Each structure stands twice: as structure tokens, then as C-alpha cells.
Amino acid sequence: MPTALEHFRNLVSLSVADGKIEESERVALSKIAYDRGIPLDRMNVMLKHAHEYTYLIPQNMLEREKQLEDMIEFANVDGEFVKSELDLITVVAERLGFTKAELDQFIKAKSNR
């Protein structure tokens, strides 16, 4: 699976972490899919099966950082960080090899933009 598609699938997995996909999240995912050249029908299939996905770990550190930053930004797209989203991001950050302190720095950096 190409990196952009894996990355997008991980964002889809994050979008259902709180049990539902909000309209603002759906709009954000649509924009991301468009920007990355992912066809609308493919995105809709991925959204339909979002609850079945497991998180895929990127192979290099630059991709890991980018993915973590995107996840933090995406989790905050609806204006709030709910516990389930933060829990998923924390687990993902650990799997990606980041410490809690590093994750906190990423979150703080994204909050200051």
C-alpha cells in the first residue's frame, strides 16, 4: 500500500476513535484525500470500514513525525481533543518511538499555530 494511502488510512482510524465521524472530520478527510489524490469512492469505502482498520507504522522517522503531526492536527479539527483521540495519539506516538515528553512538544507546537 503506498505511503500516502497508509497515512490516510491511519487518519481514518483516528477519526473513529471517539466512536463516530463528525461532519467536520468528514470534510477534513475529504480535503486531505483530494490533496493526496485519493479518489472519493476509495475514501468512502475507507470511511465505511474505518472501525476495522489497525494502525500502520511508517518506516522512516520523517514520515513518523509527519504522521504524528497530522494526527494531532486532525484530532483537533472539530475544536476539541476528546480522551479517546488523545489516548489513540498517545498509543500511536509510543508505537512510533516517541516519548511522552516528545508527544507533549508536538501537541504544544500544534496548539500554538
C-alpha atoms as a PDB file:
ATOM      1  CA  MET A   1       0.000   0.000   0.000  1.00  0.00           C
ATOM      2  CA  PRO A   2       1.504   3.387  -0.962  1.00  0.00           C
ATOM      3  CA  THR A   3       2.627   5.628   1.911  1.00  0.00           C
ATOM      4  CA  ALA A   4       0.009   8.346   1.246  1.00  0.00           C
ATOM      5  CA  LEU A   5      -2.772   5.753   1.386  1.00  0.00           C
ATOM      6  CA  GLU A   6      -1.401   4.196   4.602  1.00  0.00           C
ATOM      7  CA  HIS A   7      -1.151   7.638   6.137  1.00  0.00           C
ATOM      8  CA  PHE A   8      -4.716   8.483   5.119  1.00  0.00           C
ATOM      9  CA  ARG A   9      -5.992   5.166   6.451  1.00  0.00           C
ATOM     10  CA  ASN A  10      -4.382   5.980   9.789  1.00  0.00           C
ATOM     11  CA  LEU A  11      -6.227   9.324   9.839  1.00  0.00           C
ATOM     12  CA  VAL A  12      -9.472   7.457   9.117  1.00  0.00           C
ATOM     13  CA  SER A  13      -8.693   5.164  12.053  1.00  0.00           C
ATOM     14  CA  LEU A  14      -8.188   8.227  14.242  1.00  0.00           C
ATOM     15  CA  SER A  15     -11.468   9.735  13.054  1.00  0.00           C
ATOM     16  CA  VAL A  16     -13.471   6.854  14.541  1.00  0.00           C
ATOM     17  CA  ALA A  17     -11.502   6.722  17.804  1.00  0.00           C
ATOM     18  CA  ASP A  18     -14.323   8.591  19.558  1.00  0.00           C
ATOM     19  CA  GLY A  19     -16.921   6.209  18.095  1.00  0.00           C
ATOM     20  CA  LYS A  20     -18.236   8.466  15.331  1.00  0.00           C
ATOM     21  CA  ILE A  21     -17.053  10.522  12.384  1.00  0.00           C
ATOM     22  CA  GLU A  22     -18.159  14.135  12.846  1.00  0.00           C
ATOM     23  CA  GLU A  23     -19.116  16.178   9.783  1.00  0.00           C
ATOM     24  CA  SER A  24     -16.086  18.447  10.340  1.00  0.00           C
ATOM     25  CA  GLU A  25     -13.852  15.357  10.368  1.00  0.00           C
ATOM     26  CA  ARG A  26     -15.503  14.051   7.188  1.00  0.00           C
ATOM     27  CA  VAL A  27     -14.901  17.409   5.476  1.00  0.00           C
ATOM     28  CA  ALA A  28     -11.258  17.442   6.644  1.00  0.00           C
ATOM     29  CA  LEU A  29     -10.766  13.865   5.417  1.00  0.00           C
ATOM     30  CA  SER A  30     -12.309  14.789   2.052  1.00  0.00           C
ATOM     31  CA  LYS A  31      -9.874  17.684   1.674  1.00  0.00           C
ATOM     32  CA  ILE A  32      -6.902  15.530   2.682  1.00  0.00           C
ATOM     33  CA  ALA A  33      -7.999  12.773   0.280  1.00  0.00           C
ATOM     34  CA  TYR A  34      -8.334  15.289  -2.544  1.00  0.00           C
ATOM     35  CA  ASP A  35      -4.932  16.848  -1.758  1.00  0.00           C
ATOM     36  CA  ARG A  36      -3.316  13.401  -1.809  1.00  0.00           C
ATOM     37  CA  GLY A  37      -5.043  12.223  -4.981  1.00  0.00           C
ATOM     38  CA  ILE A  38      -7.195   9.608  -3.238  1.00  0.00           C
ATOM     39  CA  PRO A  39     -10.422   9.073  -5.235  1.00  0.00           C
ATOM     40  CA  LEU A  40     -13.706   9.942  -3.490  1.00  0.00           C
ATOM     41  CA  ASP A  41     -15.067   6.422  -3.940  1.00  0.00           C
ATOM     42  CA  ARG A  42     -11.933   4.961  -2.311  1.00  0.00           C
ATOM     43  CA  MET A  43     -12.281   7.403   0.606  1.00  0.00           C
ATOM     44  CA  ASN A  44     -15.942   6.448   1.078  1.00  0.00           C
ATOM     45  CA  VAL A  45     -15.062   2.742   1.190  1.00  0.00           C
ATOM     46  CA  MET A  46     -12.357   3.503   3.764  1.00  0.00           C
ATOM     47  CA  LEU A  47     -14.806   5.516   5.888  1.00  0.00           C
ATOM     48  CA  LYS A  48     -17.347   2.696   5.698  1.00  0.00           C
ATOM     49  CA  HIS A  49     -14.748   0.232   7.024  1.00  0.00           C
ATOM     50  CA  ALA A  50     -12.954   2.638   9.375  1.00  0.00           C
ATOM     51  CA  HIS A  51     -13.756   0.616  12.503  1.00  0.00           C
ATOM     52  CA  GLU A  52     -11.921  -2.408  11.005  1.00  0.00           C
ATOM     53  CA  TYR A  53      -8.551  -0.703  10.464  1.00  0.00           C
ATOM     54  CA  THR A  54      -5.432  -1.158  12.506  1.00  0.00           C
ATOM     55  CA  TYR A  55      -2.748   1.489  12.635  1.00  0.00           C
ATOM     56  CA  LEU A  56       0.188   1.052  10.206  1.00  0.00           C
ATOM     57  CA  ILE A  57       3.616   2.336  11.332  1.00  0.00           C
ATOM     58  CA  PRO A  58       5.611   4.409   8.804  1.00  0.00           C
ATOM     59  CA  GLN A  59       9.110   3.116   8.052  1.00  0.00           C
ATOM     60  CA  ASN A  60      11.193   6.296   8.468  1.00  0.00           C
ATOM     61  CA  MET A  61      11.410   8.986  11.154  1.00  0.00           C
ATOM     62  CA  LEU A  62      10.416  11.877   8.882  1.00  0.00           C
ATOM     63  CA  GLU A  63       7.193  10.075   7.912  1.00  0.00           C
ATOM     64  CA  ARG A  64       6.591   9.194  11.572  1.00  0.00           C
ATOM     65  CA  GLU A  65       6.901  12.836  12.629  1.00  0.00           C
ATOM     66  CA  LYS A  66       4.658  13.992   9.783  1.00  0.00           C
ATOM     67  CA  GLN A  67       2.049  11.395  10.617  1.00  0.00           C
ATOM     68  CA  LEU A  68       2.041  12.285  14.312  1.00  0.00           C
ATOM     69  CA  GLU A  69       1.721  15.995  13.485  1.00  0.00           C
ATOM     70  CA  ASP A  70      -1.140  15.284  11.074  1.00  0.00           C
ATOM     71  CA  MET A  71      -2.919  13.120  13.639  1.00  0.00           C
ATOM     72  CA  ILE A  72      -2.674  15.837  16.287  1.00  0.00           C
ATOM     73  CA  GLU A  73      -3.934  18.456  13.853  1.00  0.00           C
ATOM     74  CA  PHE A  74      -6.733  16.185  12.657  1.00  0.00           C
ATOM     75  CA  ALA A  75      -7.831  15.247  16.190  1.00  0.00           C
ATOM     76  CA  ASN A  76      -8.224  18.934  16.926  1.00  0.00           C
ATOM     77  CA  VAL A  77     -10.172  19.710  13.700  1.00  0.00           C
ATOM     78  CA  ASP A  78     -13.534  19.557  15.473  1.00  0.00           C
ATOM     79  CA  GLY A  79     -12.297  22.023  18.098  1.00  0.00           C
ATOM     80  CA  GLU A  80     -11.721  19.568  20.894  1.00  0.00           C
ATOM     81  CA  PHE A  81      -9.350  16.829  21.932  1.00  0.00           C
ATOM     82  CA  VAL A  82     -11.522  14.051  23.339  1.00  0.00           C
ATOM     83  CA  LYS A  83      -9.932  11.473  25.623  1.00  0.00           C
ATOM     84  CA  SER A  84     -10.255   8.602  23.131  1.00  0.00           C
ATOM     85  CA  GLU A  85      -8.462  10.627  20.436  1.00  0.00           C
ATOM     86  CA  LEU A  86      -5.695  11.636  22.830  1.00  0.00           C
ATOM     87  CA  ASP A  87      -5.423   8.016  24.003  1.00  0.00           C
ATOM     88  CA  LEU A  88      -5.046   6.818  20.403  1.00  0.00           C
ATOM     89  CA  ILE A  89      -2.468   9.511  19.639  1.00  0.00           C
ATOM     90  CA  THR A  90      -0.539   8.556  22.788  1.00  0.00           C
ATOM     91  CA  VAL A  91      -0.503   4.875  21.797  1.00  0.00           C
ATOM     92  CA  VAL A  92       0.470   5.766  18.236  1.00  0.00           C
ATOM     93  CA  ALA A  93       3.253   8.088  19.451  1.00  0.00           C
ATOM     94  CA  GLU A  94       4.651   5.268  21.608  1.00  0.00           C
ATOM     95  CA  ARG A  95       4.489   2.816  18.678  1.00  0.00           C
ATOM     96  CA  LEU A  96       6.255   5.376  16.513  1.00  0.00           C
ATOM     97  CA  GLY A  97       9.069   5.580  19.073  1.00  0.00           C
ATOM     98  CA  PHE A  98       8.265   8.965  20.639  1.00  0.00           C
ATOM     99  CA  THR A  99       8.453   9.631  24.380  1.00  0.00           C
ATOM    100  CA  LYS A 100       5.610  11.267  26.315  1.00  0.00           C
ATOM    101  CA  ALA A 101       7.709  14.461  26.537  1.00  0.00           C
ATOM    102  CA  GLU A 102       8.205  14.480  22.753  1.00  0.00           C
ATOM    103  CA  LEU A 103       4.475  13.947  22.206  1.00  0.00           C
ATOM    104  CA  ASP A 104       3.707  16.839  24.549  1.00  0.00           C
ATOM    105  CA  GLN A 105       6.065  19.027  22.492  1.00  0.00           C
ATOM    106  CA  PHE A 106       4.290  18.053  19.257  1.00  0.00           C
ATOM    107  CA  ILE A 107       0.888  18.839  20.816  1.00  0.00           C
ATOM    108  CA  LYS A 108       2.122  22.164  22.194  1.00  0.00           C
ATOM    109  CA  ALA A 109       3.632  23.122  18.816  1.00  0.00           C
ATOM    110  CA  LYS A 110       0.363  22.313  17.016  1.00  0.00           C
ATOM    111  CA  SER A 111      -1.668  24.237  19.613  1.00  0.00           C
ATOM    112  CA  ASN A 112       0.449  27.376  19.130  1.00  0.00           C
ATOM    113  CA  ARG A 113      -0.216  27.616  15.372  1.00  0.00           C
END
